[in-house]
Amino acid sequence: MARFKNLQDLARLPWFEAADEGRVALRDRGIGPVVDMHTHLALGYVRPFQVDLGVRHACTEHYLPVHNPLDFEVYVNRNFTRAQLGGMKRDLTMRSFGPGGMRRTHTAANLVAEMDEMGIAHSVLLPIDLPGISDNAGVYLAAAAGQSRLVGFGSVHPYSLAPEKRLREQVARGARGIKLHPAVQMVRPDDPRAGRLYRVCGEHGVPVLWHCGPVGIEPVVGRFLSLVRWYERPIAENPGTTFILGHSGALQAERALELCHRYPNVVLELSSQGLSWVRTILTQADPERVVYGSDWPFYHQAIALAKILLATEDRPDLRRKVLYDNAARLLKLPA
């Protein structure tokens, strides 16, 4: 079962039921607890942060609308129409200066509401900052401090002023890790200045969560900067730092899986992968080093969760590790 008419059609699966406004909810609460290792709130640049993250909106406007048909076999962004991709890119760029657009609904309150419906205990907030024109990390850490179910990560651009000092300050404020996004921040993951941040993460025992791999819809330069071949050197040079490969290498999942086989400090995060690759990773990777992520609010949290549930139907112990235990160990959450 890999094709669905829309999000609510996931209720055909035994674990879900239909909810209001075209959504689904987790029916089988025996699935939990769950940790979502890959979520974002609204991002803001240039102007002071404009979105009130405490406001609860009636519906979250996911970048992939809940009424869209879903094909689980393809990389998830293949489910967008051309118009939806254009709308998403405008929302993430031009509209990031103000309080409007779809991003106005990408609040901590809306994320927690979806977590309630999906039986998700904790979600990791991943900010993305650019030097001098944003403080998304500060905003996210403040949001996490006010909500025990949200786990804040930091974000320090390698070319910002005093990056190591900034990272240490974020860890002191409660950051459980750091997010690096080569395609957005325009820095290769093996840049020597990024390497200084990786060493600080190792010193403090917090992981690095990379956006890893080309996704096919980014600009050509961003695609080049995200190629999986650029990730091996920092992994090899920092054996004391844990590196989480967001999207499991995206369209280069085979190479990301090779890195997981080669280096014990690599963890694979499954958001956006097609069902066949989720099955392959769960069959071939170290079961202690795979975690669930959704990439909310780009996608509803049920999409990636359903793929893991389908791929672990006869493996309850593996399901528990991927959905909670492995992430809880990384984040120092209760066992």
Protein backbone atom coordinates (compact mmCIF):
# COMPACT_ATOMS: atom_id res chain seq x y z
CA MET A 1 0.00 0.00 0.00
CA ALA A 2 1.91 3.03 -1.25
CA ARG A 3 -0.60 5.42 -2.86
CA PHE A 4 -3.21 7.49 -1.03
CA LYS A 5 -5.82 9.95 -2.28
CA ASN A 6 -4.87 12.48 0.39
CA LEU A 7 -3.59 12.62 3.96
CA GLN A 8 -6.91 11.50 5.45
CA ASP A 9 -6.76 8.39 3.26
CA LEU A 10 -4.01 7.14 5.60
CA ALA A 11 -6.94 6.09 7.80
CA ARG A 12 -7.01 2.96 5.60
CA LEU A 13 -3.92 1.91 7.55
CA PRO A 14 -4.61 0.17 10.88
CA TRP A 15 -2.80 2.77 12.99
CA PHE A 16 -4.67 5.94 11.95
CA GLU A 17 -8.14 7.44 11.98
CA ALA A 18 -9.66 10.43 10.22
CA ALA A 19 -9.57 13.79 12.00
CA ASP A 20 -11.05 17.22 11.25
CA GLU A 21 -10.04 19.43 8.31
CA GLY A 22 -8.62 16.57 6.24
CA ARG A 23 -6.11 15.47 8.88
CA VAL A 24 -5.48 12.10 10.51
CA ALA A 25 -4.78 11.12 14.10
CA LEU A 26 -2.95 8.17 15.58
CA ARG A 27 -5.55 5.60 16.63
CA ASP A 28 -3.15 2.98 18.01
CA ARG A 29 -1.62 4.75 21.01
CA GLY A 30 0.43 1.63 21.74
CA ILE A 31 2.77 2.88 19.01
CA GLY A 32 4.29 5.57 21.24
CA PRO A 33 6.23 7.21 22.64
CA VAL A 34 7.67 8.90 19.55
CA VAL A 35 10.43 11.49 19.09
CA ASP A 36 10.40 13.57 15.90
CA MET A 37 14.04 14.51 15.25
CA HIS A 38 13.36 16.93 12.38
CA THR A 39 10.95 19.86 12.70
CA HIS A 40 11.08 23.59 12.04
CA LEU A 41 9.00 26.54 13.12
CA ALA A 42 8.64 29.72 11.08
CA LEU A 43 12.00 31.16 10.05
CA GLY A 44 12.69 34.90 9.98
CA TYR A 45 15.43 36.98 8.37
CA VAL A 46 16.57 40.63 8.12
CA ARG A 47 13.77 42.16 10.23
CA PRO A 48 13.10 41.28 13.88
CA PHE A 49 11.20 37.99 14.15
CA GLN A 50 7.59 38.64 13.15
CA VAL A 51 5.60 35.44 13.88
CA ASP A 52 4.11 34.85 17.34
CA LEU A 53 5.07 31.23 17.98
CA GLY A 54 2.64 30.94 20.89
CA VAL A 55 -0.48 31.48 18.76
CA ARG A 56 -2.66 28.46 17.97
CA HIS A 57 -4.21 28.62 14.49
CA ALA A 58 -7.16 26.43 13.56
CA CYS A 59 -5.18 24.65 10.82
CA THR A 60 -1.51 24.33 10.01
CA GLU A 61 -0.80 25.26 6.41
CA HIS A 62 1.74 22.56 5.59
CA TYR A 63 3.76 23.27 2.47
CA LEU A 64 2.45 19.96 1.08
CA PRO A 65 -1.32 20.45 1.55
CA VAL A 66 -3.25 17.70 3.31
CA HIS A 67 -5.57 17.31 0.30
CA ASN A 68 -2.71 16.32 -2.04
CA PRO A 69 -2.43 12.77 -3.38
CA LEU A 70 0.48 10.90 -1.78
CA ASP A 71 2.87 8.46 -3.40
CA PHE A 72 4.97 6.83 -0.69
CA GLU A 73 7.44 5.26 -3.12
CA VAL A 74 8.99 8.53 -4.32
CA TYR A 75 11.07 11.05 -2.42
CA VAL A 76 8.37 13.08 -0.71
CA ASN A 77 8.93 16.38 -2.53
CA ARG A 78 7.90 14.65 -5.76
CA ASN A 79 4.33 14.99 -4.44
CA PHE A 80 4.37 18.78 -4.88
CA THR A 81 2.84 20.44 -7.91
CA ARG A 82 4.84 23.16 -9.66
CA ALA A 83 2.52 25.82 -8.21
CA GLN A 84 2.93 24.46 -4.68
CA LEU A 85 6.72 24.51 -5.01
CA GLY A 86 6.56 28.12 -6.10
CA GLY A 87 4.35 29.03 -3.16
CA MET A 88 6.65 27.27 -0.72
CA LYS A 89 9.74 29.08 -2.04
CA ARG A 90 8.01 32.48 -1.83
CA ASP A 91 6.93 31.73 1.73
CA LEU A 92 10.47 30.80 2.74
CA THR A 93 12.11 33.82 1.09
CA MET A 94 10.15 37.02 0.41
CA ARG A 95 7.56 36.39 3.13
CA SER A 96 10.20 35.52 5.74
CA PHE A 97 10.52 39.28 6.40
CA GLY A 98 7.01 39.63 7.81
CA PRO A 99 4.27 37.95 9.86
CA GLY A 100 2.08 36.61 7.05
CA GLY A 101 1.92 33.76 4.57
CA MET A 102 1.65 30.08 5.36
CA ARG A 103 4.48 30.50 7.86
CA ARG A 104 2.21 32.42 10.25
CA THR A 105 0.71 29.01 11.16
CA HIS A 106 4.11 27.36 11.71
CA THR A 107 4.04 28.03 15.43
CA ALA A 108 5.07 26.03 18.46
CA ALA A 109 1.41 25.88 19.49
CA ASN A 110 0.37 24.33 16.17
CA LEU A 111 3.25 21.86 16.25
CA VAL A 112 2.28 20.68 19.74
CA ALA A 113 -1.35 20.31 18.62
CA GLU A 114 -0.27 18.02 15.78
CA MET A 115 2.00 16.11 18.16
CA ASP A 116 -1.03 15.52 20.39
CA GLU A 117 -2.97 14.03 17.47
CA MET A 118 -0.01 11.86 16.42
CA GLY A 119 1.09 10.58 19.83
CA ILE A 120 4.47 12.32 19.55
CA ALA A 121 6.15 12.94 22.90
CA HIS A 122 8.95 15.27 21.78
CA SER A 123 9.91 17.20 18.66
CA VAL A 124 13.34 18.65 17.89
CA LEU A 125 13.29 22.26 16.64
CA LEU A 126 15.91 22.95 13.96
CA PRO A 127 16.68 26.63 13.33
CA ILE A 128 18.69 27.84 10.33
CA ASP A 129 20.63 31.10 10.73
CA LEU A 130 22.58 33.36 8.41
CA PRO A 131 25.33 35.67 9.66
CA GLY A 132 24.14 39.01 10.95
CA ILE A 133 20.56 38.89 9.66
CA SER A 134 18.77 36.35 11.86
CA ASP A 135 18.52 34.83 15.31
CA ASN A 136 16.22 31.90 14.66
CA ALA A 137 18.24 29.82 17.15
CA GLY A 138 17.49 32.28 19.93
CA VAL A 139 13.79 32.34 19.07
CA TYR A 140 13.58 28.54 18.91
CA LEU A 141 15.48 28.03 22.17
CA ALA A 142 13.07 30.43 23.87
CA ALA A 143 10.11 28.48 22.46
CA ALA A 144 11.58 25.19 23.67
CA ALA A 145 12.23 26.64 27.12
CA GLY A 146 8.53 27.36 27.44
CA GLN A 147 7.33 23.91 26.33
CA SER A 148 8.83 20.75 27.83
CA ARG A 149 7.93 18.61 24.82
CA LEU A 150 10.01 20.69 22.43
CA VAL A 151 13.77 20.17 22.21
CA GLY A 152 15.77 23.12 20.92
CA PHE A 153 18.84 22.86 18.71
CA GLY A 154 21.21 25.69 17.93
CA SER A 155 22.32 27.17 14.63
CA VAL A 156 25.60 29.02 14.08
CA HIS A 157 26.78 29.97 10.63
CA PRO A 158 30.46 29.03 10.33
CA TYR A 159 31.23 32.53 8.95
CA SER A 160 29.39 34.44 11.66
CA LEU A 161 31.27 36.52 14.23
CA ALA A 162 32.93 34.37 16.93
CA PRO A 163 31.08 31.17 15.91
CA GLU A 164 32.55 28.91 18.59
CA LYS A 165 31.60 31.38 21.33
CA ARG A 166 28.08 31.65 19.92
CA LEU A 167 27.72 27.87 19.87
CA ARG A 168 28.86 27.53 23.48
CA GLU A 169 26.36 30.21 24.48
CA GLN A 170 23.56 28.32 22.74
CA VAL A 171 24.52 25.08 24.48
CA ALA A 172 24.47 26.96 27.79
CA ARG A 173 20.93 28.10 26.91
CA GLY A 174 19.82 24.51 26.47
CA ALA A 175 20.63 23.61 22.85
CA ARG A 176 20.82 19.80 22.60
CA GLY A 177 22.62 19.90 19.26
CA ILE A 178 23.31 22.09 16.23
CA LYS A 179 21.71 22.25 12.79
CA LEU A 180 23.73 22.90 9.63
CA HIS A 181 22.04 23.29 6.24
CA PRO A 182 24.63 23.56 3.45
CA ALA A 183 22.13 24.48 0.72
CA VAL A 184 20.55 27.35 2.69
CA GLN A 185 23.64 28.57 4.54
CA MET A 186 25.78 28.20 1.41
CA VAL A 187 28.63 26.42 3.19
CA ARG A 188 30.02 23.02 2.33
CA PRO A 189 29.87 20.62 5.29
CA ASP A 190 33.62 20.02 5.05
CA ASP A 191 34.48 23.73 5.27
CA PRO A 192 37.31 24.15 7.83
CA ARG A 193 35.36 26.83 9.71
CA ALA A 194 32.45 24.39 10.11
CA GLY A 195 34.97 21.88 11.44
CA ARG A 196 35.65 24.16 14.40
CA LEU A 197 31.97 23.97 15.34
CA TYR A 198 31.96 20.17 15.06
CA ARG A 199 34.81 19.99 17.55
CA VAL A 200 32.89 22.15 20.02
CA CYS A 201 29.89 19.82 19.66
CA GLY A 202 32.15 16.87 20.45
CA GLU A 203 33.47 18.65 23.54
CA HIS A 204 29.94 19.24 24.83
CA GLY A 205 28.52 15.84 23.80
CA VAL A 206 25.84 17.28 21.52
CA PRO A 207 25.14 16.01 17.98
CA VAL A 208 25.28 17.79 14.65
CA LEU A 209 22.17 17.36 12.51
CA TRP A 210 23.00 18.09 8.89
CA HIS A 211 20.71 18.53 5.98
CA CYS A 212 22.38 15.82 3.93
CA GLY A 213 22.11 15.17 0.22
CA PRO A 214 20.55 16.83 -2.82
CA VAL A 215 16.75 16.94 -2.93
CA GLY A 216 16.26 17.99 -6.55
CA ILE A 217 14.28 21.20 -5.98
CA GLU A 218 17.03 23.43 -4.59
CA PRO A 219 19.17 25.83 -6.66
CA VAL A 220 22.10 24.23 -8.49
CA VAL A 221 24.67 25.68 -6.09
CA GLY A 222 22.76 24.36 -3.06
CA ARG A 223 22.55 20.95 -4.69
CA PHE A 224 26.31 20.91 -5.21
CA LEU A 225 27.01 21.96 -1.61
CA SER A 226 24.79 19.14 -0.29
CA LEU A 227 26.39 16.25 -2.20
CA VAL A 228 27.04 13.38 0.18
CA ARG A 229 30.71 13.16 -0.78
CA TRP A 230 31.40 16.40 1.15
CA TYR A 231 30.29 14.87 4.46
CA GLU A 232 32.82 12.08 4.88
CA ARG A 233 35.89 14.09 5.82
CA PRO A 234 34.36 15.87 8.86
CA ILE A 235 32.83 12.57 10.01
CA ALA A 236 36.24 10.88 9.82
CA GLU A 237 38.08 13.80 11.43
CA ASN A 238 35.68 14.09 14.40
CA PRO A 239 35.12 10.57 15.74
CA GLY A 240 33.97 12.00 19.08
CA THR A 241 31.11 13.94 17.49
CA THR A 242 27.82 12.33 16.48
CA PHE A 243 26.56 13.34 13.04
CA ILE A 244 22.89 12.85 12.14
CA LEU A 245 22.37 12.73 8.38
CA GLY A 246 19.06 14.51 7.84
CA HIS A 247 16.94 12.86 5.14
CA SER A 248 19.46 9.96 5.09
CA GLY A 249 21.29 11.55 2.18
CA ALA A 250 18.09 12.50 0.33
CA LEU A 251 18.51 11.43 -3.32
CA GLN A 252 21.89 9.88 -2.49
CA ALA A 253 20.66 7.52 0.22
CA GLU A 254 22.94 4.72 -0.92
CA ARG A 255 26.01 6.85 -0.19
CA ALA A 256 24.64 7.91 3.20
CA LEU A 257 24.05 4.27 4.09
CA GLU A 258 27.68 3.56 3.17
CA LEU A 259 28.80 6.28 5.59
CA CYS A 260 26.69 4.69 8.33
CA HIS A 261 28.38 1.35 7.66
CA ARG A 262 31.84 2.93 7.66
CA TYR A 263 31.64 5.24 10.69
CA PRO A 264 30.11 4.48 14.10
CA ASN A 265 29.44 8.19 14.77
CA VAL A 266 26.83 8.42 11.97
CA VAL A 267 23.07 8.30 12.55
CA LEU A 268 20.49 8.22 9.72
CA GLU A 269 17.32 10.33 9.99
CA LEU A 270 14.49 9.13 7.75
CA SER A 271 12.38 12.18 6.87
CA SER A 272 11.34 12.51 3.22
CA GLN A 273 12.67 9.14 2.05
CA GLY A 274 10.44 6.93 -0.09
CA LEU A 275 9.06 3.75 1.43
CA SER A 276 11.46 1.44 -0.45
CA TRP A 277 14.47 3.31 0.89
CA VAL A 278 13.01 3.36 4.40
CA ARG A 279 12.74 -0.43 4.19
CA THR A 280 16.29 -0.72 2.84
CA ILE A 281 17.77 1.49 5.56
CA LEU A 282 15.89 -0.32 8.32
CA THR A 283 17.11 -3.65 6.96
CA GLN A 284 20.76 -2.75 6.35
CA ALA A 285 21.70 0.00 8.86
CA ASP A 286 22.71 -0.48 12.48
CA PRO A 287 19.31 -0.54 14.25
CA GLU A 288 20.75 1.60 17.05
CA ARG A 289 21.56 4.44 14.61
CA VAL A 290 18.33 5.26 12.77
CA VAL A 291 15.76 7.85 13.90
CA TYR A 292 12.37 9.18 12.80
CA GLY A 293 11.87 12.70 11.51
CA SER A 294 9.03 14.43 9.65
CA ASP A 295 10.40 17.79 8.37
CA TRP A 296 7.30 19.56 9.74
CA PRO A 297 5.79 21.97 8.60
CA PHE A 298 6.83 21.01 5.08
CA TYR A 299 4.90 17.76 5.63
CA HIS A 300 2.38 16.44 8.12
CA GLN A 301 4.03 14.28 10.77
CA ALA A 302 1.89 11.29 9.78
CA ILE A 303 3.57 10.84 6.39
CA ALA A 304 7.01 9.78 7.60
CA LEU A 305 5.50 7.98 10.59
CA ALA A 306 3.27 5.84 8.37
CA LYS A 307 6.27 4.75 6.28
CA ILE A 308 8.13 3.57 9.38
CA LEU A 309 5.06 1.73 10.67
CA LEU A 310 4.66 -0.04 7.33
CA ALA A 311 8.36 -0.97 7.23
CA THR A 312 8.38 -2.37 10.80
CA GLU A 313 5.08 -4.28 10.88
CA ASP A 314 6.79 -7.50 11.96
CA ARG A 315 9.66 -5.87 13.91
CA PRO A 316 8.26 -4.24 17.07
CA ASP A 317 11.66 -4.00 18.79
CA LEU A 318 13.15 -2.14 15.82
CA ARG A 319 10.09 0.13 15.66
CA ARG A 320 10.59 1.13 19.30
CA LYS A 321 14.27 1.93 18.71
CA VAL A 322 13.63 4.06 15.63
CA LEU A 323 10.64 5.93 17.00
CA TYR A 324 11.99 6.62 20.49
CA ASP A 325 14.96 4.84 22.05
CA ASN A 326 17.69 5.95 19.63
CA ALA A 327 16.60 9.58 19.68
CA ALA A 328 16.12 9.56 23.46
CA ARG A 329 19.72 8.39 23.86
CA LEU A 330 21.01 11.17 21.60
CA LEU A 331 18.96 13.84 23.35
CA LYS A 332 19.43 12.49 26.88
CA LEU A 333 15.70 11.97 27.37
CA PRO A 334 14.28 9.41 29.82
CA ALA A 335 14.62 5.79 28.65
